[in-house]
Amino acid sequence: MKAIYLEAINKPFTLIEKEKPSAGPGEAVVQVKAAALNHRDVWIQYGRYFTKDYPAILGSDCAGIVTEVGEGVDKMWLGKEVIVDPSSDWGDNLRAQGKEFKVLGMPEDGAFAEYVKVQAANLHEKPEHLTFEEAAALPLGGVTAYRAMFTKCGLQAGDKVLVTGAGGGVALFAIQFAAAVGAEVWVTSGSDEKIGLALDLGATDGINYKSEGWGKALKEKAGGFDVIIDGAAGEGFVQLVKLAKPGGRIGMYGGTTGMIGQLNPAEIFWKQLAIHGSTMGTAQDFAEMVRLVDEKGIKPVVDIVFPLEKTEEAMRYMEAGKQFGKIVVRID
């Protein structure tokens, strides 16, 4: 089979021929129709991820067709169009992942290949309204947004929610999920164009965080937020604390702009804010996320689709940060 190979740190992704995997007990083999990129893949390429097990076939997010099942797996899965939950071994503590937690694509061979072997327990039927490309865009970004917003922050219909960094995969899922359940959604972005596109997904309004005094201006327009979903941290996080209503919840799933600036503790304890760290999700989070997408007819935003052999080019496109939505590779 064809697969995308990462030989070592700082090496380019290359196309190779590799033996097709076989399903063992409790496992299934999926013919990958589409796989989506995550920033995790670039971090691994540069040696910035906590797992370092090279060489590797990366790729966490995928959708395809089950072609083989191992001993103990219901044969009803054969021929099914599926989405794969890329996470496994979360552990017994539902509040946080354990030491054995891992994600498809390192150390185990991932989805940037014509076939991938996974635990059958990680298979979910693909919602019929999704193409393979749209379904492949869903797993890590979707479950990260779902857990931060619902499991951790307890978002409900009627809440006013702020999603920062509209344009990234997780942020777009957060916008779509919140709008789908009847929340009032506002966004921030460094691009007025991306704010406009977020309005098409159900956002009420937004503000450019590059504008002077953006936090104060947003407070005047929106009046504060019940839930804030953030993947940036950095100096802007100080403004998020100010924007949170009393009793507000802030869900953090990343820190792309670095260390948080100086916070006034009184703004946290006097307003009785809850700040939740969150990353990826449990098997239950994933199942509930897929159910929400299916029931509400949510369609993930796909920015661009590359052929498998151009995965290296796709990584550089993602690194440039110009996308609105997910970047997908298609396996023909």
Protein backbone atom coordinates (compact mmCIF):
# COMPACT_ATOMS: atom_id res chain seq x y z
CA MET A 1 0.00 0.00 0.00
CA LYS A 2 1.00 3.65 -0.37
CA ALA A 3 1.81 5.55 2.82
CA ILE A 4 3.34 8.85 3.88
CA TYR A 5 6.59 8.34 5.78
CA LEU A 6 8.42 10.60 8.24
CA GLU A 7 11.94 9.29 8.60
CA ALA A 8 13.18 11.54 11.41
CA ILE A 9 12.92 14.97 13.00
CA ASN A 10 13.07 17.83 10.47
CA LYS A 11 12.77 15.47 7.51
CA PRO A 12 10.11 15.98 4.82
CA PHE A 13 7.09 13.69 4.48
CA THR A 14 7.67 11.23 1.63
CA LEU A 15 5.54 8.68 -0.22
CA ILE A 16 6.57 5.03 0.24
CA GLU A 17 5.26 1.52 -0.40
CA LYS A 18 4.53 -0.46 2.77
CA GLU A 19 2.90 -3.78 3.61
CA LYS A 20 -0.83 -3.54 4.24
CA PRO A 21 -1.75 -4.13 7.92
CA SER A 22 -3.76 -7.15 9.09
CA ALA A 23 -6.42 -7.14 11.80
CA GLY A 24 -5.64 -8.93 15.05
CA PRO A 25 -8.10 -9.80 17.82
CA GLY A 26 -10.40 -6.88 18.56
CA GLU A 27 -9.05 -4.91 15.61
CA ALA A 28 -10.25 -3.72 12.23
CA VAL A 29 -8.58 -2.54 9.05
CA VAL A 30 -10.01 0.56 7.40
CA GLN A 31 -9.45 1.52 3.78
CA VAL A 32 -8.74 5.22 4.22
CA LYS A 33 -10.66 7.45 1.84
CA ALA A 34 -9.61 10.76 3.40
CA ALA A 35 -7.42 11.92 6.26
CA ALA A 36 -7.12 15.35 7.86
CA LEU A 37 -4.09 17.24 9.10
CA ASN A 38 -3.58 18.49 12.65
CA HIS A 39 -0.92 20.81 14.06
CA ARG A 40 0.21 17.75 16.01
CA ASP A 41 1.66 16.40 12.75
CA VAL A 42 3.88 19.45 12.23
CA TRP A 43 4.96 19.46 15.87
CA ILE A 44 6.03 15.82 15.49
CA GLN A 45 7.88 16.67 12.28
CA TYR A 46 9.88 19.30 14.18
CA GLY A 47 10.38 17.15 17.28
CA ARG A 48 8.19 19.39 19.46
CA TYR A 49 5.71 16.71 20.56
CA PHE A 50 6.03 14.76 23.82
CA THR A 51 6.11 11.44 21.90
CA LYS A 52 9.23 10.91 19.78
CA ASP A 53 9.19 7.51 18.06
CA TYR A 54 10.69 7.83 14.59
CA PRO A 55 10.36 6.74 11.80
CA ALA A 56 6.60 7.07 11.69
CA ILE A 57 3.45 7.13 9.60
CA LEU A 58 1.42 10.00 11.02
CA GLY A 59 -2.21 11.00 10.63
CA SER A 60 -4.82 10.92 13.40
CA ASP A 61 -8.07 11.85 11.64
CA CYS A 62 -9.61 9.65 8.98
CA ALA A 63 -12.73 8.24 7.41
CA GLY A 64 -13.07 5.22 5.19
CA ILE A 65 -14.49 1.74 4.69
CA VAL A 66 -13.91 -1.30 6.92
CA THR A 67 -12.31 -4.05 4.84
CA GLU A 68 -11.22 -6.56 7.50
CA VAL A 69 -12.09 -7.43 11.11
CA GLY A 70 -10.21 -9.56 13.57
CA GLU A 71 -11.27 -12.23 16.02
CA GLY A 72 -14.05 -11.13 18.34
CA VAL A 73 -15.21 -8.24 16.15
CA ASP A 74 -18.77 -8.19 14.81
CA LYS A 75 -18.71 -8.81 11.06
CA MET A 76 -21.48 -6.24 10.66
CA TRP A 77 -18.66 -3.68 10.41
CA LEU A 78 -17.42 -5.13 7.11
CA GLY A 79 -18.16 -2.71 4.29
CA LYS A 80 -19.33 0.04 6.67
CA GLU A 81 -18.39 3.67 6.03
CA VAL A 82 -16.79 4.84 9.27
CA ILE A 83 -15.09 7.61 11.20
CA VAL A 84 -12.27 6.53 13.49
CA ASP A 85 -11.88 7.82 17.03
CA PRO A 86 -8.09 8.37 17.07
CA SER A 87 -7.71 8.32 20.87
CA SER A 88 -7.28 5.24 23.04
CA ASP A 89 -6.38 4.18 26.59
CA TRP A 90 -7.81 7.29 28.25
CA GLY A 91 -7.83 5.59 31.64
CA ASP A 92 -10.26 5.37 34.55
CA ASN A 93 -10.31 9.07 35.49
CA LEU A 94 -12.87 10.76 33.26
CA ARG A 95 -11.58 14.17 34.37
CA ALA A 96 -8.15 13.70 32.75
CA GLN A 97 -6.30 11.27 30.50
CA GLY A 98 -3.92 8.75 32.05
CA LYS A 99 -0.27 7.99 31.34
CA GLU A 100 -1.15 5.30 28.77
CA PHE A 101 -3.30 7.66 26.68
CA LYS A 102 -2.24 7.81 23.04
CA VAL A 103 -3.37 9.15 19.70
CA LEU A 104 -3.29 7.39 16.35
CA GLY A 105 -0.26 8.35 14.27
CA MET A 106 2.59 7.88 16.77
CA PRO A 107 3.63 5.54 18.18
CA GLU A 108 1.19 3.41 16.13
CA ASP A 109 1.01 3.77 12.33
CA GLY A 110 -1.53 6.42 11.43
CA ALA A 111 -3.97 7.41 8.73
CA PHE A 112 -1.71 8.92 6.08
CA ALA A 113 -1.90 5.65 4.18
CA GLU A 114 -4.23 3.60 2.01
CA TYR A 115 -5.09 1.36 4.98
CA VAL A 116 -4.93 1.78 8.76
CA LYS A 117 -5.36 -0.74 11.58
CA VAL A 118 -7.40 0.40 14.61
CA GLN A 119 -9.25 -1.00 17.59
CA ALA A 120 -12.77 -1.95 16.51
CA ALA A 121 -14.09 -0.13 19.59
CA ASN A 122 -12.90 3.09 17.96
CA LEU A 123 -15.14 2.71 14.90
CA HIS A 124 -18.18 4.93 14.47
CA GLU A 125 -20.59 4.89 11.56
CA LYS A 126 -20.10 7.89 9.31
CA PRO A 127 -23.13 10.22 9.34
CA GLU A 128 -24.78 9.85 5.95
CA HIS A 129 -24.83 13.59 5.22
CA LEU A 130 -21.02 13.81 5.32
CA THR A 131 -18.60 13.15 2.50
CA PHE A 132 -15.45 11.21 3.38
CA GLU A 133 -13.48 14.49 3.29
CA GLU A 134 -15.89 16.18 5.69
CA ALA A 135 -15.98 13.15 7.98
CA ALA A 136 -12.17 12.98 8.07
CA ALA A 137 -12.08 16.60 9.20
CA LEU A 138 -14.09 15.81 12.31
CA PRO A 139 -12.22 13.61 14.87
CA LEU A 140 -9.59 15.47 16.91
CA GLY A 141 -10.83 18.99 16.27
CA GLY A 142 -14.43 17.99 16.82
CA VAL A 143 -13.92 16.08 20.05
CA THR A 144 -11.60 18.80 21.43
CA ALA A 145 -14.26 21.46 20.82
CA TYR A 146 -17.03 19.23 22.19
CA ARG A 147 -15.24 18.35 25.44
CA ALA A 148 -14.08 21.92 26.16
CA MET A 149 -17.49 23.40 25.44
CA PHE A 150 -19.96 20.83 26.78
CA THR A 151 -18.20 18.36 29.09
CA LYS A 152 -16.04 20.96 30.81
CA CYS A 153 -17.91 24.27 30.45
CA GLY A 154 -21.46 22.89 30.43
CA LEU A 155 -22.70 25.05 27.56
CA GLN A 156 -26.49 25.23 27.32
CA ALA A 157 -29.03 26.72 24.94
CA GLY A 158 -29.33 30.46 25.55
CA ASP A 159 -25.76 30.89 26.83
CA LYS A 160 -23.66 33.61 25.29
CA VAL A 161 -20.36 32.11 24.11
CA LEU A 162 -17.15 33.66 22.80
CA VAL A 163 -14.89 31.55 20.56
CA THR A 164 -11.41 32.96 19.93
CA GLY A 165 -9.36 32.49 16.79
CA ALA A 166 -12.15 31.85 14.30
CA GLY A 167 -10.58 30.06 11.35
CA GLY A 168 -8.83 27.21 13.15
CA GLY A 169 -10.39 23.76 13.07
CA VAL A 170 -11.32 23.49 16.76
CA ALA A 171 -12.67 27.04 16.85
CA LEU A 172 -14.92 26.44 13.85
CA PHE A 173 -16.35 23.29 15.41
CA ALA A 174 -17.00 25.24 18.61
CA ILE A 175 -18.89 27.89 16.61
CA GLN A 176 -20.96 25.30 14.77
CA PHE A 177 -21.73 23.18 17.85
CA ALA A 178 -22.73 26.16 19.97
CA ALA A 179 -24.97 27.62 17.27
CA ALA A 180 -26.57 24.21 16.69
CA VAL A 181 -27.72 23.92 20.31
CA GLY A 182 -29.12 27.44 20.47
CA ALA A 183 -26.30 29.44 22.07
CA GLU A 184 -25.49 33.02 21.03
CA VAL A 185 -22.03 32.87 19.46
CA TRP A 186 -19.45 35.66 19.15
CA VAL A 187 -15.92 35.32 17.76
CA THR A 188 -12.52 36.94 17.63
CA SER A 189 -10.06 36.70 14.77
CA GLY A 190 -7.07 38.56 13.37
CA SER A 191 -8.85 38.61 10.00
CA ASP A 192 -12.02 40.55 9.20
CA GLU A 193 -12.63 38.11 6.34
CA LYS A 194 -12.62 35.15 8.73
CA ILE A 195 -15.04 36.95 11.04
CA GLY A 196 -17.38 37.36 8.08
CA LEU A 197 -17.10 33.66 7.26
CA ALA A 198 -17.83 32.79 10.90
CA LEU A 199 -21.10 34.72 10.64
CA ASP A 200 -22.10 32.35 7.84
CA LEU A 201 -21.64 29.45 10.29
CA GLY A 202 -24.04 30.94 12.81
CA ALA A 203 -21.99 33.50 14.74
CA THR A 204 -23.81 36.68 15.77
CA ASP A 205 -20.85 39.06 15.52
CA GLY A 206 -17.14 39.33 16.17
CA ILE A 207 -14.14 41.57 16.63
CA ASN A 208 -10.60 41.73 15.26
CA TYR A 209 -8.18 41.16 18.13
CA LYS A 210 -5.53 43.16 16.28
CA SER A 211 -7.59 46.32 16.77
CA GLU A 212 -6.64 48.61 19.66
CA GLY A 213 -8.75 48.15 22.77
CA TRP A 214 -10.57 45.15 21.30
CA GLY A 215 -11.49 43.69 24.69
CA LYS A 216 -13.19 46.87 25.90
CA ALA A 217 -14.94 47.33 22.56
CA LEU A 218 -16.25 43.77 22.64
CA LYS A 219 -17.49 44.21 26.21
CA GLU A 220 -19.44 47.27 25.11
CA LYS A 221 -20.99 45.37 22.17
CA ALA A 222 -21.71 42.02 23.81
CA GLY A 223 -21.90 42.73 27.53
CA GLY A 224 -19.94 39.67 28.64
CA PHE A 225 -20.00 35.90 28.12
CA ASP A 226 -21.20 32.81 29.97
CA VAL A 227 -18.70 30.55 28.19
CA ILE A 228 -15.39 31.38 26.49
CA ILE A 229 -13.50 28.82 24.39
CA ASP A 230 -9.85 29.68 23.79
CA GLY A 231 -6.87 28.02 22.14
CA ALA A 232 -4.46 30.97 22.19
CA ALA A 233 -3.75 31.98 25.83
CA GLY A 234 -1.00 34.68 25.76
CA GLU A 235 -1.58 38.31 26.67
CA GLY A 236 -5.10 38.20 25.23
CA PHE A 237 -6.23 35.83 27.97
CA VAL A 238 -6.29 38.76 30.39
CA GLN A 239 -9.05 40.28 28.25
CA LEU A 240 -11.01 37.02 28.29
CA VAL A 241 -11.12 37.06 32.09
CA LYS A 242 -12.48 40.61 31.93
CA LEU A 243 -15.07 39.54 29.34
CA ALA A 244 -16.40 36.62 31.37
CA LYS A 245 -19.69 37.18 33.21
CA PRO A 246 -19.95 36.37 36.93
CA GLY A 247 -20.06 32.60 37.17
CA GLY A 248 -18.56 32.31 33.69
CA ARG A 249 -16.59 29.32 32.43
CA ILE A 250 -13.45 29.50 30.31
CA GLY A 251 -12.33 26.40 28.39
CA MET A 252 -8.66 26.36 27.30
CA TYR A 253 -7.55 23.79 24.75
CA GLY A 254 -4.27 25.34 23.56
CA GLY A 255 -1.72 28.10 23.98
CA THR A 256 -0.53 29.17 20.53
CA THR A 257 0.43 32.70 21.63
CA GLY A 258 2.40 31.62 24.68
CA MET A 259 2.45 32.52 28.35
CA ILE A 260 -0.54 34.25 29.90
CA GLY A 261 -0.05 37.86 30.97
CA GLN A 262 -0.64 39.30 34.42
CA LEU A 263 -4.06 38.39 35.76
CA ASN A 264 -5.85 40.19 38.54
CA PRO A 265 -6.83 37.37 40.93
CA ALA A 266 -9.85 39.32 42.17
CA GLU A 267 -11.39 39.19 38.69
CA ILE A 268 -11.33 35.42 38.93
CA PHE A 269 -12.42 34.76 42.50
CA TRP A 270 -14.84 37.67 42.91
CA LYS A 271 -16.66 36.76 39.73
CA GLN A 272 -16.40 33.07 40.72
CA LEU A 273 -15.00 32.08 37.34
CA ALA A 274 -14.12 28.51 36.42
CA ILE A 275 -11.09 28.03 34.14
CA HIS A 276 -10.96 24.55 32.62
CA GLY A 277 -7.99 23.02 30.87
CA SER A 278 -9.09 20.54 28.20
CA THR A 279 -7.55 18.45 25.47
CA MET A 280 -9.06 15.93 23.07
CA GLY A 281 -11.67 13.74 24.81
CA THR A 282 -12.94 10.42 26.12
CA ALA A 283 -14.65 7.73 24.07
CA GLN A 284 -17.94 9.02 25.47
CA ASP A 285 -17.11 12.58 24.40
CA PHE A 286 -16.37 11.31 20.91
CA ALA A 287 -19.57 9.29 20.62
CA GLU A 288 -21.67 12.23 21.84
CA MET A 289 -19.89 14.57 19.43
CA VAL A 290 -20.64 12.32 16.44
CA ARG A 291 -24.26 12.03 17.60
CA LEU A 292 -24.57 15.83 17.74
CA VAL A 293 -23.11 16.19 14.24
CA ASP A 294 -25.51 13.54 12.94
CA GLU A 295 -28.64 14.87 14.65
CA LYS A 296 -28.02 18.53 13.77
CA GLY A 297 -26.72 17.88 10.24
CA ILE A 298 -23.48 19.76 10.97
CA LYS A 299 -20.99 19.79 8.09
CA PRO A 300 -17.32 20.35 8.99
CA VAL A 301 -15.61 23.16 7.12
CA VAL A 302 -12.96 21.83 4.72
CA ASP A 303 -10.59 24.52 3.46
CA ILE A 304 -8.65 22.55 0.85
CA VAL A 305 -8.05 18.95 -0.26
CA PHE A 306 -4.65 17.62 -1.37
CA PRO A 307 -3.82 14.22 -2.88
CA LEU A 308 -1.95 11.88 -0.53
CA GLU A 309 1.34 12.28 -2.37
CA LYS A 310 1.30 16.03 -1.66
CA THR A 311 1.09 15.65 2.13
CA GLU A 312 4.35 17.57 2.63
CA GLU A 313 2.91 20.48 0.64
CA ALA A 314 -0.27 20.28 2.71
CA MET A 315 1.79 20.53 5.94
CA ARG A 316 3.49 23.70 4.73
CA TYR A 317 0.10 25.14 3.78
CA MET A 318 -1.15 24.47 7.31
CA GLU A 319 2.00 25.92 8.84
CA ALA A 320 1.37 29.18 6.95
CA GLY A 321 -1.90 29.50 8.89
CA LYS A 322 -4.06 30.91 6.11
CA GLN A 323 -6.73 28.21 6.17
CA PHE A 324 -10.34 28.59 7.23
CA GLY A 325 -11.29 25.11 8.31
CA LYS A 326 -9.55 21.76 8.00
CA ILE A 327 -6.93 20.63 5.51
CA VAL A 328 -7.59 17.15 4.12
CA VAL A 329 -5.66 14.65 2.04
CA ARG A 330 -7.65 12.32 -0.21
CA ILE A 331 -6.59 8.75 -0.93
CA ASP A 332 -7.86 7.61 -4.36
